[in-house]
Amino acid sequence: MIGKTCGKEFILMRNKFLGLGVLIILLTAPAVALSDCVDLGRANNQYIQGAHAVIFYAGMKPVARVEVPYCMLYQDSIIRLTRTYACDGDQLVVDGALCIIGTLSSATTNPMY
């Protein structure tokens, strides 16, 4: 009698964890799919747009717009990449300080004009 009760409880708990796992995957999948990642290594120019955004250019074509909400950008700021392929949440260096990329928008999916 005790063995059958423990077996049913185990199956119920397993089903709850399985359902919770599926729910977590379904809720996080759109966020991963919607985040842009861009090869910023091909950019050879940049334009500071406001105090928290920079547009990277390859020649005359925009590559991406990067927002750094927790760092101040000035027209003479020196921006360096920590990695050439960047996504939301990655870091770049602004005037010697590490800054987190809040939003990265690719020019292929979002118009820059």
PDB file of N, CA and C in Angstrom:
ATOM      1  N   MET A   1       0.825  -1.183   0.000  1.00  0.00           N
ATOM      2  CA  MET A   1       0.000   0.000   0.000  1.00  0.00           C
ATOM      3  C   MET A   1       0.872   1.251   0.000  1.00  0.00           C
ATOM      4  N   ILE A   2       1.907   1.259   0.805  1.00  0.00           N
ATOM      5  CA  ILE A   2       2.788   2.421   0.871  1.00  0.00           C
ATOM      6  C   ILE A   2       3.541   2.575  -0.441  1.00  0.00           C
ATOM      7  N   GLY A   3       3.974   1.507  -1.048  1.00  0.00           N
ATOM      8  CA  GLY A   3       4.711   1.555  -2.315  1.00  0.00           C
ATOM      9  C   GLY A   3       3.878   2.157  -3.429  1.00  0.00           C
ATOM     10  N   LYS A   4       2.590   1.842  -3.501  1.00  0.00           N
ATOM     11  CA  LYS A   4       1.728   2.392  -4.542  1.00  0.00           C
ATOM     12  C   LYS A   4       1.500   3.881  -4.331  1.00  0.00           C
ATOM     13  N   THR A   5       1.378   4.326  -3.091  1.00  0.00           N
ATOM     14  CA  THR A   5       1.165   5.740  -2.802  1.00  0.00           C
ATOM     15  C   THR A   5       2.403   6.544  -3.196  1.00  0.00           C
ATOM     16  N   CYS A   6       3.588   6.077  -2.866  1.00  0.00           N
ATOM     17  CA  CYS A   6       4.827   6.778  -3.205  1.00  0.00           C
ATOM     18  C   CYS A   6       5.014   6.827  -4.712  1.00  0.00           C
ATOM     19  N   GLY A   7       4.647   5.768  -5.407  1.00  0.00           N
ATOM     20  CA  GLY A   7       4.776   5.748  -6.865  1.00  0.00           C
ATOM     21  C   GLY A   7       3.877   6.784  -7.524  1.00  0.00           C
ATOM     22  N   LYS A   8       2.645   6.931  -7.033  1.00  0.00           N
ATOM     23  CA  LYS A   8       1.717   7.918  -7.592  1.00  0.00           C
ATOM     24  C   LYS A   8       2.211   9.344  -7.311  1.00  0.00           C
ATOM     25  N   GLU A   9       2.718   9.556  -6.106  1.00  0.00           N
ATOM     26  CA  GLU A   9       3.240  10.887  -5.769  1.00  0.00           C
ATOM     27  C   GLU A   9       4.433  11.236  -6.647  1.00  0.00           C
ATOM     28  N   PHE A  10       5.282  10.249  -6.907  1.00  0.00           N
ATOM     29  CA  PHE A  10       6.443  10.483  -7.766  1.00  0.00           C
ATOM     30  C   PHE A  10       6.005  10.847  -9.180  1.00  0.00           C
ATOM     31  N   ILE A  11       5.033  10.156  -9.708  1.00  0.00           N
ATOM     32  CA  ILE A  11       4.542  10.435 -11.062  1.00  0.00           C
ATOM     33  C   ILE A  11       3.897  11.818 -11.125  1.00  0.00           C
ATOM     34  N   LEU A  12       3.118  12.185 -10.110  1.00  0.00           N
ATOM     35  CA  LEU A  12       2.507  13.517 -10.087  1.00  0.00           C
ATOM     36  C   LEU A  12       3.566  14.618 -10.013  1.00  0.00           C
ATOM     37  N   MET A  13       4.577  14.417  -9.178  1.00  0.00           N
ATOM     38  CA  MET A  13       5.634  15.417  -9.057  1.00  0.00           C
ATOM     39  C   MET A  13       6.430  15.506 -10.365  1.00  0.00           C
ATOM     40  N   ARG A  14       6.713  14.387 -10.994  1.00  0.00           N
ATOM     41  CA  ARG A  14       7.448  14.376 -12.255  1.00  0.00           C
ATOM     42  C   ARG A  14       6.658  15.124 -13.325  1.00  0.00           C
ATOM     43  N   ASN A  15       5.370  14.914 -13.378  1.00  0.00           N
ATOM     44  CA  ASN A  15       4.533  15.599 -14.364  1.00  0.00           C
ATOM     45  C   ASN A  15       4.494  17.109 -14.118  1.00  0.00           C
ATOM     46  N   LYS A  16       4.473  17.504 -12.847  1.00  0.00           N
ATOM     47  CA  LYS A  16       4.493  18.932 -12.527  1.00  0.00           C
ATOM     48  C   LYS A  16       5.803  19.569 -12.993  1.00  0.00           C
ATOM     49  N   PHE A  17       6.930  18.917 -12.737  1.00  0.00           N
ATOM     50  CA  PHE A  17       8.225  19.454 -13.161  1.00  0.00           C
ATOM     51  C   PHE A  17       8.348  19.470 -14.677  1.00  0.00           C
ATOM     52  N   LEU A  18       7.829  18.464 -15.326  1.00  0.00           N
ATOM     53  CA  LEU A  18       7.853  18.417 -16.786  1.00  0.00           C
ATOM     54  C   LEU A  18       7.026  19.568 -17.366  1.00  0.00           C
ATOM     55  N   GLY A  19       5.849  19.793 -16.809  1.00  0.00           N
ATOM     56  CA  GLY A  19       4.999  20.902 -17.255  1.00  0.00           C
ATOM     57  C   GLY A  19       5.652  22.245 -17.003  1.00  0.00           C
ATOM     58  N   LEU A  20       6.301  22.396 -15.855  1.00  0.00           N
ATOM     59  CA  LEU A  20       6.995  23.638 -15.532  1.00  0.00           C
ATOM     60  C   LEU A  20       8.158  23.877 -16.500  1.00  0.00           C
ATOM     61  N   GLY A  21       8.882  22.831 -16.831  1.00  0.00           N
ATOM     62  CA  GLY A  21       9.991  22.951 -17.777  1.00  0.00           C
ATOM     63  C   GLY A  21       9.525  23.389 -19.156  1.00  0.00           C
ATOM     64  N   VAL A  22       8.427  22.802 -19.625  1.00  0.00           N
ATOM     65  CA  VAL A  22       7.860  23.176 -20.925  1.00  0.00           C
ATOM     66  C   VAL A  22       7.392  24.629 -20.898  1.00  0.00           C
ATOM     67  N   LEU A  23       6.781  25.044 -19.820  1.00  0.00           N
ATOM     68  CA  LEU A  23       6.315  26.419 -19.685  1.00  0.00           C
ATOM     69  C   LEU A  23       7.478  27.405 -19.725  1.00  0.00           C
ATOM     70  N   ILE A  24       8.549  27.102 -19.042  1.00  0.00           N
ATOM     71  CA  ILE A  24       9.726  27.972 -19.042  1.00  0.00           C
ATOM     72  C   ILE A  24      10.311  28.090 -20.446  1.00  0.00           C
ATOM     73  N   ILE A  25      10.408  27.002 -21.148  1.00  0.00           N
ATOM     74  CA  ILE A  25      10.936  27.017 -22.520  1.00  0.00           C
ATOM     75  C   ILE A  25      10.043  27.861 -23.421  1.00  0.00           C
ATOM     76  N   LEU A  26       8.745  27.704 -23.308  1.00  0.00           N
ATOM     77  CA  LEU A  26       7.821  28.456 -24.152  1.00  0.00           C
ATOM     78  C   LEU A  26       7.858  29.953 -23.851  1.00  0.00           C
ATOM     79  N   LEU A  27       8.090  30.322 -22.606  1.00  0.00           N
ATOM     80  CA  LEU A  27       8.121  31.737 -22.239  1.00  0.00           C
ATOM     81  C   LEU A  27       9.438  32.412 -22.613  1.00  0.00           C
ATOM     82  N   THR A  28      10.540  31.677 -22.604  1.00  0.00           N
ATOM     83  CA  THR A  28      11.831  32.287 -22.913  1.00  0.00           C
ATOM     84  C   THR A  28      12.206  32.205 -24.381  1.00  0.00           C
ATOM     85  N   ALA A  29      11.623  31.325 -25.139  1.00  0.00           N
ATOM     86  CA  ALA A  29      11.979  31.168 -26.560  1.00  0.00           C
ATOM     87  C   ALA A  29      11.740  32.430 -27.377  1.00  0.00           C
ATOM     88  N   PRO A  30      10.630  33.156 -27.230  1.00  0.00           N
ATOM     89  CA  PRO A  30      10.456  34.375 -28.030  1.00  0.00           C
ATOM     90  C   PRO A  30      11.508  35.436 -27.741  1.00  0.00           C
ATOM     91  N   ALA A  31      11.945  35.562 -26.509  1.00  0.00           N
ATOM     92  CA  ALA A  31      12.960  36.566 -26.168  1.00  0.00           C
ATOM     93  C   ALA A  31      14.278  36.253 -26.859  1.00  0.00           C
ATOM     94  N   VAL A  32      14.631  34.987 -26.926  1.00  0.00           N
ATOM     95  CA  VAL A  32      15.865  34.592 -27.593  1.00  0.00           C
ATOM     96  C   VAL A  32      15.738  34.799 -29.095  1.00  0.00           C
ATOM     97  N   ALA A  33      14.599  34.475 -29.650  1.00  0.00           N
ATOM     98  CA  ALA A  33      14.403  34.605 -31.087  1.00  0.00           C
ATOM     99  C   ALA A  33      14.342  36.058 -31.538  1.00  0.00           C
ATOM    100  N   LEU A  34      13.861  36.961 -30.690  1.00  0.00           N
ATOM    101  CA  LEU A  34      13.719  38.356 -31.060  1.00  0.00           C
ATOM    102  C   LEU A  34      14.983  39.186 -30.839  1.00  0.00           C
ATOM    103  N   SER A  35      15.945  38.678 -30.105  1.00  0.00           N
ATOM    104  CA  SER A  35      17.150  39.462 -29.865  1.00  0.00           C
ATOM    105  C   SER A  35      18.035  39.423 -31.101  1.00  0.00           C
ATOM    106  N   ASP A  36      18.523  40.609 -31.489  1.00  0.00           N
ATOM    107  CA  ASP A  36      19.400  40.720 -32.644  1.00  0.00           C
ATOM    108  C   ASP A  36      20.836  40.467 -32.226  1.00  0.00           C
ATOM    109  N   CYS A  37      21.575  39.827 -33.091  1.00  0.00           N
ATOM    110  CA  CYS A  37      23.017  39.680 -32.949  1.00  0.00           C
ATOM    111  C   CYS A  37      23.620  40.129 -34.273  1.00  0.00           C
ATOM    112  N   VAL A  38      24.706  40.889 -34.199  1.00  0.00           N
ATOM    113  CA  VAL A  38      25.281  41.496 -35.387  1.00  0.00           C
ATOM    114  C   VAL A  38      26.801  41.366 -35.341  1.00  0.00           C
ATOM    115  N   ASP A  39      27.388  41.193 -36.509  1.00  0.00           N
ATOM    116  CA  ASP A  39      28.838  41.202 -36.646  1.00  0.00           C
ATOM    117  C   ASP A  39      29.297  42.654 -36.741  1.00  0.00           C
ATOM    118  N   LEU A  40      29.626  43.252 -35.611  1.00  0.00           N
ATOM    119  CA  LEU A  40      30.065  44.642 -35.583  1.00  0.00           C
ATOM    120  C   LEU A  40      31.518  44.797 -36.018  1.00  0.00           C
ATOM    121  N   GLY A  41      32.224  43.699 -36.175  1.00  0.00           N
ATOM    122  CA  GLY A  41      33.617  43.748 -36.602  1.00  0.00           C
ATOM    123  C   GLY A  41      33.779  44.313 -37.998  1.00  0.00           C
ATOM    124  N   ARG A  42      32.748  44.236 -38.826  1.00  0.00           N
ATOM    125  CA  ARG A  42      32.840  44.768 -40.194  1.00  0.00           C
ATOM    126  C   ARG A  42      32.593  46.270 -40.234  1.00  0.00           C
ATOM    127  N   ALA A  43      32.152  46.872 -39.142  1.00  0.00           N
ATOM    128  CA  ALA A  43      31.904  48.318 -39.095  1.00  0.00           C
ATOM    129  C   ALA A  43      33.240  49.065 -39.044  1.00  0.00           C
ATOM    130  N   ASN A  44      33.327  50.130 -39.819  1.00  0.00           N
ATOM    131  CA  ASN A  44      34.550  50.922 -39.826  1.00  0.00           C
ATOM    132  C   ASN A  44      34.309  52.381 -39.441  1.00  0.00           C
ATOM    133  N   ASN A  45      33.073  52.708 -39.075  1.00  0.00           N
ATOM    134  CA  ASN A  45      32.743  54.061 -38.673  1.00  0.00           C
ATOM    135  C   ASN A  45      31.581  54.001 -37.685  1.00  0.00           C
ATOM    136  N   GLN A  46      31.380  55.093 -36.972  1.00  0.00           N
ATOM    137  CA  GLN A  46      30.295  55.134 -35.992  1.00  0.00           C
ATOM    138  C   GLN A  46      29.778  56.553 -35.859  1.00  0.00           C
ATOM    139  N   TYR A  47      28.540  56.655 -35.410  1.00  0.00           N
ATOM    140  CA  TYR A  47      27.916  57.947 -35.181  1.00  0.00           C
ATOM    141  C   TYR A  47      27.212  57.890 -33.833  1.00  0.00           C
ATOM    142  N   ILE A  48      27.578  58.813 -32.937  1.00  0.00           N
ATOM    143  CA  ILE A  48      26.944  58.882 -31.617  1.00  0.00           C
ATOM    144  C   ILE A  48      25.592  59.567 -31.796  1.00  0.00           C
ATOM    145  N   GLN A  49      24.536  58.887 -31.373  1.00  0.00           N
ATOM    146  CA  GLN A  49      23.173  59.412 -31.504  1.00  0.00           C
ATOM    147  C   GLN A  49      22.597  59.620 -30.106  1.00  0.00           C
ATOM    148  N   GLY A  50      22.645  60.835 -29.634  1.00  0.00           N
ATOM    149  CA  GLY A  50      22.170  61.116 -28.283  1.00  0.00           C
ATOM    150  C   GLY A  50      23.202  60.703 -27.248  1.00  0.00           C
ATOM    151  N   ALA A  51      22.763  60.571 -26.022  1.00  0.00           N
ATOM    152  CA  ALA A  51      23.676  60.273 -24.916  1.00  0.00           C
ATOM    153  C   ALA A  51      23.846  58.784 -24.649  1.00  0.00           C
ATOM    154  N   HIS A  52      23.019  57.927 -25.277  1.00  0.00           N
ATOM    155  CA  HIS A  52      23.072  56.502 -24.947  1.00  0.00           C
ATOM    156  C   HIS A  52      22.989  55.579 -26.161  1.00  0.00           C
ATOM    157  N   ALA A  53      23.205  56.090 -27.366  1.00  0.00           N
ATOM    158  CA  ALA A  53      23.099  55.231 -28.552  1.00  0.00           C
ATOM    159  C   ALA A  53      24.194  55.562 -29.556  1.00  0.00           C
ATOM    160  N   VAL A  54      24.638  54.545 -30.261  1.00  0.00           N
ATOM    161  CA  VAL A  54      25.641  54.704 -31.311  1.00  0.00           C
ATOM    162  C   VAL A  54      25.217  53.860 -32.512  1.00  0.00           C
ATOM    163  N   ILE A  55      25.392  54.411 -33.704  1.00  0.00           N
ATOM    164  CA  ILE A  55      25.111  53.668 -34.933  1.00  0.00           C
ATOM    165  C   ILE A  55      26.447  53.306 -35.563  1.00  0.00           C
ATOM    166  N   PHE A  56      26.644  52.030 -35.831  1.00  0.00           N
ATOM    167  CA  PHE A  56      27.857  51.543 -36.481  1.00  0.00           C
ATOM    168  C   PHE A  56      27.612  51.451 -37.984  1.00  0.00           C
ATOM    169  N   TYR A  57      28.605  51.874 -38.770  1.00  0.00           N
ATOM    170  CA  TYR A  57      28.507  51.881 -40.225  1.00  0.00           C
ATOM    171  C   TYR A  57      29.621  51.046 -40.839  1.00  0.00           C
ATOM    172  N   ALA A  58      29.312  50.404 -41.957  1.00  0.00           N
ATOM    173  CA  ALA A  58      30.303  49.774 -42.821  1.00  0.00           C
ATOM    174  C   ALA A  58      30.268  50.570 -44.115  1.00  0.00           C
ATOM    175  N   GLY A  59      31.234  51.451 -44.289  1.00  0.00           N
ATOM    176  CA  GLY A  59      31.183  52.387 -45.412  1.00  0.00           C
ATOM    177  C   GLY A  59      30.091  53.398 -45.144  1.00  0.00           C
ATOM    178  N   MET A  60      29.141  53.507 -46.069  1.00  0.00           N
ATOM    179  CA  MET A  60      28.026  54.446 -45.912  1.00  0.00           C
ATOM    180  C   MET A  60      26.741  53.753 -45.439  1.00  0.00           C
ATOM    181  N   LYS A  61      26.792  52.432 -45.270  1.00  0.00           N
ATOM    182  CA  LYS A  61      25.596  51.677 -44.871  1.00  0.00           C
ATOM    183  C   LYS A  61      25.596  51.397 -43.370  1.00  0.00           C
ATOM    184  N   PRO A  62      24.472  51.662 -42.714  1.00  0.00           N
ATOM    185  CA  PRO A  62      24.405  51.335 -41.281  1.00  0.00           C
ATOM    186  C   PRO A  62      24.401  49.824 -41.067  1.00  0.00           C
ATOM    187  N   VAL A  63      25.108  49.407 -40.044  1.00  0.00           N
ATOM    188  CA  VAL A  63      25.166  47.987 -39.682  1.00  0.00           C
ATOM    189  C   VAL A  63      24.220  47.708 -38.524  1.00  0.00           C
ATOM    190  N   ALA A  64      24.304  48.550 -37.487  1.00  0.00           N
ATOM    191  CA  ALA A  64      23.486  48.324 -36.293  1.00  0.00           C
ATOM    192  C   ALA A  64      23.418  49.582 -35.446  1.00  0.00           C
ATOM    193  N   ARG A  65      22.368  49.644 -34.664  1.00  0.00           N
ATOM    194  CA  ARG A  65      22.215  50.696 -33.653  1.00  0.00           C
ATOM    195  C   ARG A  65      22.323  50.026 -32.290  1.00  0.00           C
ATOM    196  N   VAL A  66      23.206  50.551 -31.453  1.00  0.00           N
ATOM    197  CA  VAL A  66      23.481  49.961 -30.148  1.00  0.00           C
ATOM    198  C   VAL A  66      23.127  50.977 -29.071  1.00  0.00           C
ATOM    199  N   GLU A  67      22.298  50.562 -28.130  1.00  0.00           N
ATOM    200  CA  GLU A  67      21.950  51.408 -26.995  1.00  0.00           C
ATOM    201  C   GLU A  67      22.691  50.916 -25.760  1.00  0.00           C
ATOM    202  N   VAL A  68      23.336  51.852 -25.073  1.00  0.00           N
ATOM    203  CA  VAL A  68      24.025  51.560 -23.811  1.00  0.00           C
ATOM    204  C   VAL A  68      23.392  52.445 -22.732  1.00  0.00           C
ATOM    205  N   PRO A  69      22.353  51.944 -22.077  1.00  0.00           N
ATOM    206  CA  PRO A  69      21.566  52.780 -21.164  1.00  0.00           C
ATOM    207  C   PRO A  69      22.295  53.236 -19.907  1.00  0.00           C
ATOM    208  N   TYR A  70      23.346  52.557 -19.514  1.00  0.00           N
ATOM    209  CA  TYR A  70      23.993  52.885 -18.241  1.00  0.00           C
ATOM    210  C   TYR A  70      25.322  53.606 -18.418  1.00  0.00           C
ATOM    211  N   CYS A  71      25.641  54.041 -19.651  1.00  0.00           N
ATOM    212  CA  CYS A  71      26.872  54.783 -19.918  1.00  0.00           C
ATOM    213  C   CYS A  71      26.536  56.034 -20.723  1.00  0.00           C
ATOM    214  N   MET A  72      27.266  57.098 -20.452  1.00  0.00           N
ATOM    215  CA  MET A  72      27.092  58.335 -21.202  1.00  0.00           C
ATOM    216  C   MET A  72      28.009  58.318 -22.421  1.00  0.00           C
ATOM    217  N   LEU A  73      27.451  58.684 -23.563  1.00  0.00           N
ATOM    218  CA  LEU A  73      28.226  58.795 -24.795  1.00  0.00           C
ATOM    219  C   LEU A  73      28.331  60.264 -25.173  1.00  0.00           C
ATOM    220  N   TYR A  74      29.526  60.665 -25.562  1.00  0.00           N
ATOM    221  CA  TYR A  74      29.767  62.024 -26.025  1.00  0.00           C
ATOM    222  C   TYR A  74      30.249  61.949 -27.466  1.00  0.00           C
ATOM    223  N   GLN A  75      30.190  63.054 -28.192  1.00  0.00           N
ATOM    224  CA  GLN A  75      30.599  63.056 -29.600  1.00  0.00           C
ATOM    225  C   GLN A  75      32.054  62.643 -29.778  1.00  0.00           C
ATOM    226  N   ASP A  76      32.897  62.862 -28.767  1.00  0.00           N
ATOM    227  CA  ASP A  76      34.304  62.480 -28.872  1.00  0.00           C
ATOM    228  C   ASP A  76      34.628  61.182 -28.108  1.00  0.00           C
ATOM    229  N   SER A  77      33.616  60.418 -27.731  1.00  0.00           N
ATOM    230  CA  SER A  77      33.832  59.162 -27.005  1.00  0.00           C
ATOM    231  C   SER A  77      34.583  58.156 -27.871  1.00  0.00           C
ATOM    232  N   ILE A  78      35.461  57.410 -27.233  1.00  0.00           N
ATOM    233  CA  ILE A  78      36.196  56.331 -27.901  1.00  0.00           C
ATOM    234  C   ILE A  78      35.497  55.025 -27.560  1.00  0.00           C
ATOM    235  N   ILE A  79      35.024  54.329 -28.594  1.00  0.00           N
ATOM    236  CA  ILE A  79      34.258  53.093 -28.409  1.00  0.00           C
ATOM    237  C   ILE A  79      35.061  51.941 -28.979  1.00  0.00           C
ATOM    238  N   ARG A  80      35.258  50.910 -28.152  1.00  0.00           N
ATOM    239  CA  ARG A  80      35.952  49.698 -28.587  1.00  0.00           C
ATOM    240  C   ARG A  80      35.061  48.496 -28.320  1.00  0.00           C
ATOM    241  N   LEU A  81      35.134  47.518 -29.192  1.00  0.00           N
ATOM    242  CA  LEU A  81      34.355  46.287 -29.045  1.00  0.00           C
ATOM    243  C   LEU A  81      35.127  45.290 -28.195  1.00  0.00           C
ATOM    244  N   THR A  82      34.413  44.541 -27.368  1.00  0.00           N
ATOM    245  CA  THR A  82      35.047  43.460 -26.614  1.00  0.00           C
ATOM    246  C   THR A  82      34.983  42.160 -27.397  1.00  0.00           C
ATOM    247  N   ARG A  83      34.048  42.089 -28.353  1.00  0.00           N
ATOM    248  CA  ARG A  83      33.935  40.954 -29.272  1.00  0.00           C
ATOM    249  C   ARG A  83      33.312  41.472 -30.559  1.00  0.00           C
ATOM    250  N   THR A  84      33.660  40.869 -31.666  1.00  0.00           N
ATOM    251  CA  THR A  84      33.173  41.382 -32.952  1.00  0.00           C
ATOM    252  C   THR A  84      31.717  41.017 -33.199  1.00  0.00           C
ATOM    253  N   TYR A  85      31.289  39.852 -32.755  1.00  0.00           N
ATOM    254  CA  TYR A  85      29.901  39.418 -32.921  1.00  0.00           C
ATOM    255  C   TYR A  85      29.179  39.718 -31.617  1.00  0.00           C
ATOM    256  N   ALA A  86      28.286  40.702 -31.630  1.00  0.00           N
ATOM    257  CA  ALA A  86      27.662  41.167 -30.390  1.00  0.00           C
ATOM    258  C   ALA A  86      26.160  40.932 -30.391  1.00  0.00           C
ATOM    259  N   CYS A  87      25.610  40.740 -29.201  1.00  0.00           N
ATOM    260  CA  CYS A  87      24.177  40.547 -28.985  1.00  0.00           C
ATOM    261  C   CYS A  87      23.742  41.425 -27.811  1.00  0.00           C
ATOM    262  N   ASP A  88      22.443  41.486 -27.572  1.00  0.00           N
ATOM    263  CA  ASP A  88      21.925  42.179 -26.396  1.00  0.00           C
ATOM    264  C   ASP A  88      22.582  41.592 -25.150  1.00  0.00           C
ATOM    265  N   GLY A  89      22.982  42.459 -24.234  1.00  0.00           N
ATOM    266  CA  GLY A  89      23.585  41.994 -22.990  1.00  0.00           C
ATOM    267  C   GLY A  89      25.089  41.855 -23.050  1.00  0.00           C
ATOM    268  N   ASP A  90      25.698  41.905 -24.245  1.00  0.00           N
ATOM    269  CA  ASP A  90      27.156  41.869 -24.344  1.00  0.00           C
ATOM    270  C   ASP A  90      27.729  43.205 -23.877  1.00  0.00           C
ATOM    271  N   GLN A  91      29.029  43.320 -23.905  1.00  0.00           N
ATOM    272  CA  GLN A  91      29.671  44.540 -23.432  1.00  0.00           C
ATOM    273  C   GLN A  91      30.502  45.188 -24.523  1.00  0.00           C
ATOM    274  N   LEU A  92      30.678  46.492 -24.399  1.00  0.00           N
ATOM    275  CA  LEU A  92      31.654  47.222 -25.191  1.00  0.00           C
ATOM    276  C   LEU A  92      32.319  48.230 -24.275  1.00  0.00           C
ATOM    277  N   VAL A  93      33.422  48.812 -24.729  1.00  0.00           N
ATOM    278  CA  VAL A  93      34.190  49.736 -23.902  1.00  0.00           C
ATOM    279  C   VAL A  93      33.955  51.148 -24.410  1.00  0.00           C
ATOM    280  N   VAL A  94      33.503  52.028 -23.526  1.00  0.00           N
ATOM    281  CA  VAL A  94      33.281  53.437 -23.852  1.00  0.00           C
ATOM    282  C   VAL A  94      34.185  54.261 -22.952  1.00  0.00           C
ATOM    283  N   ASP A  95      35.120  54.956 -23.570  1.00  0.00           N
ATOM    284  CA  ASP A  95      36.060  55.815 -22.839  1.00  0.00           C
ATOM    285  C   ASP A  95      36.744  55.060 -21.699  1.00  0.00           C
ATOM    286  N   GLY A  96      37.104  53.812 -21.945  1.00  0.00           N
ATOM    287  CA  GLY A  96      37.829  52.999 -20.972  1.00  0.00           C
ATOM    288  C   GLY A  96      36.967  52.262 -19.966  1.00  0.00           C
ATOM    289  N   ALA A  97      35.651  52.459 -19.992  1.00  0.00           N
ATOM    290  CA  ALA A  97      34.758  51.793 -19.031  1.00  0.00           C
ATOM    291  C   ALA A  97      33.903  50.749 -19.748  1.00  0.00           C
ATOM    292  N   LEU A  98      33.734  49.598 -19.114  1.00  0.00           N
ATOM    293  CA  LEU A  98      32.868  48.557 -19.682  1.00  0.00           C
ATOM    294  C   LEU A  98      31.411  48.984 -19.593  1.00  0.00           C
ATOM    295  N   CYS A  99      30.689  48.837 -20.690  1.00  0.00           N
ATOM    296  CA  CYS A  99      29.273  49.190 -20.740  1.00  0.00           C
ATOM    297  C   CYS A  99      28.482  48.014 -21.292  1.00  0.00           C
ATOM    298  N   ILE A 100      27.322  47.784 -20.724  1.00  0.00           N
ATOM    299  CA  ILE A 100      26.451  46.695 -21.166  1.00  0.00           C
ATOM    300  C   ILE A 100      25.568  47.192 -22.300  1.00  0.00           C
ATOM    301  N   ILE A 101      25.485  46.394 -23.356  1.00  0.00           N
ATOM    302  CA  ILE A 101      24.601  46.711 -24.478  1.00  0.00           C
ATOM    303  C   ILE A 101      23.175  46.380 -24.043  1.00  0.00           C
ATOM    304  N   GLY A 102      22.338  47.406 -23.966  1.00  0.00           N
ATOM    305  CA  GLY A 102      20.947  47.186 -23.577  1.00  0.00           C
ATOM    306  C   GLY A 102      20.136  46.644 -24.733  1.00  0.00           C
ATOM    307  N   THR A 103      20.220  47.312 -25.877  1.00  0.00           N
ATOM    308  CA  THR A 103      19.483  46.893 -27.069  1.00  0.00           C
ATOM    309  C   THR A 103      20.384  47.030 -28.276  1.00  0.00           C
ATOM    310  N   LEU A 104      20.431  46.004 -29.081  1.00  0.00           N
ATOM    311  CA  LEU A 104      21.189  46.023 -30.318  1.00  0.00           C
ATOM    312  C   LEU A 104      20.202  45.745 -31.445  1.00  0.00           C
ATOM    313  N   SER A 105      20.080  46.695 -32.371  1.00  0.00           N
ATOM    314  CA  SER A 105      19.139  46.548 -33.481  1.00  0.00           C
ATOM    315  C   SER A 105      19.906  46.455 -34.790  1.00  0.00           C
ATOM    316  N   SER A 106      19.728  45.381 -35.505  1.00  0.00           N
ATOM    317  CA  SER A 106      20.392  45.194 -36.790  1.00  0.00           C
ATOM    318  C   SER A 106      19.746  46.076 -37.846  1.00  0.00           C
ATOM    319  N   ALA A 107      20.559  46.627 -38.740  1.00  0.00           N
ATOM    320  CA  ALA A 107      20.028  47.466 -39.821  1.00  0.00           C
ATOM    321  C   ALA A 107      19.242  46.639 -40.827  1.00  0.00           C
ATOM    322  N   THR A 108      19.482  45.335 -40.875  1.00  0.00           N
ATOM    323  CA  THR A 108      18.734  44.494 -41.811  1.00  0.00           C
ATOM    324  C   THR A 108      17.311  44.223 -41.339  1.00  0.00           C
ATOM    325  N   THR A 109      17.090  44.258 -40.038  1.00  0.00           N
ATOM    326  CA  THR A 109      15.743  43.998 -39.518  1.00  0.00           C
ATOM    327  C   THR A 109      15.029  45.259 -39.055  1.00  0.00           C
ATOM    328  N   ASN A 110      15.777  46.326 -38.766  1.00  0.00           N
ATOM    329  CA  ASN A 110      15.195  47.591 -38.304  1.00  0.00           C
ATOM    330  C   ASN A 110      15.804  48.735 -39.088  1.00  0.00           C
ATOM    331  N   PRO A 111      14.991  49.526 -39.770  1.00  0.00           N
ATOM    332  CA  PRO A 111      15.541  50.652 -40.529  1.00  0.00           C
ATOM    333  C   PRO A 111      16.186  51.681 -39.603  1.00  0.00           C
ATOM    334  N   MET A 112      17.315  52.242 -40.032  1.00  0.00           N
ATOM    335  CA  MET A 112      18.049  53.208 -39.216  1.00  0.00           C
ATOM    336  C   MET A 112      17.727  54.650 -39.610  1.00  0.00           C
ATOM    337  N   TYR A 113      16.860  54.847 -40.546  1.00  0.00           N
ATOM    338  CA  TYR A 113      16.596  56.200 -41.052  1.00  0.00           C
ATOM    339  C   TYR A 113      15.346  56.771 -40.438  1.00  0.00           C
TER     340      TYR A 113
END
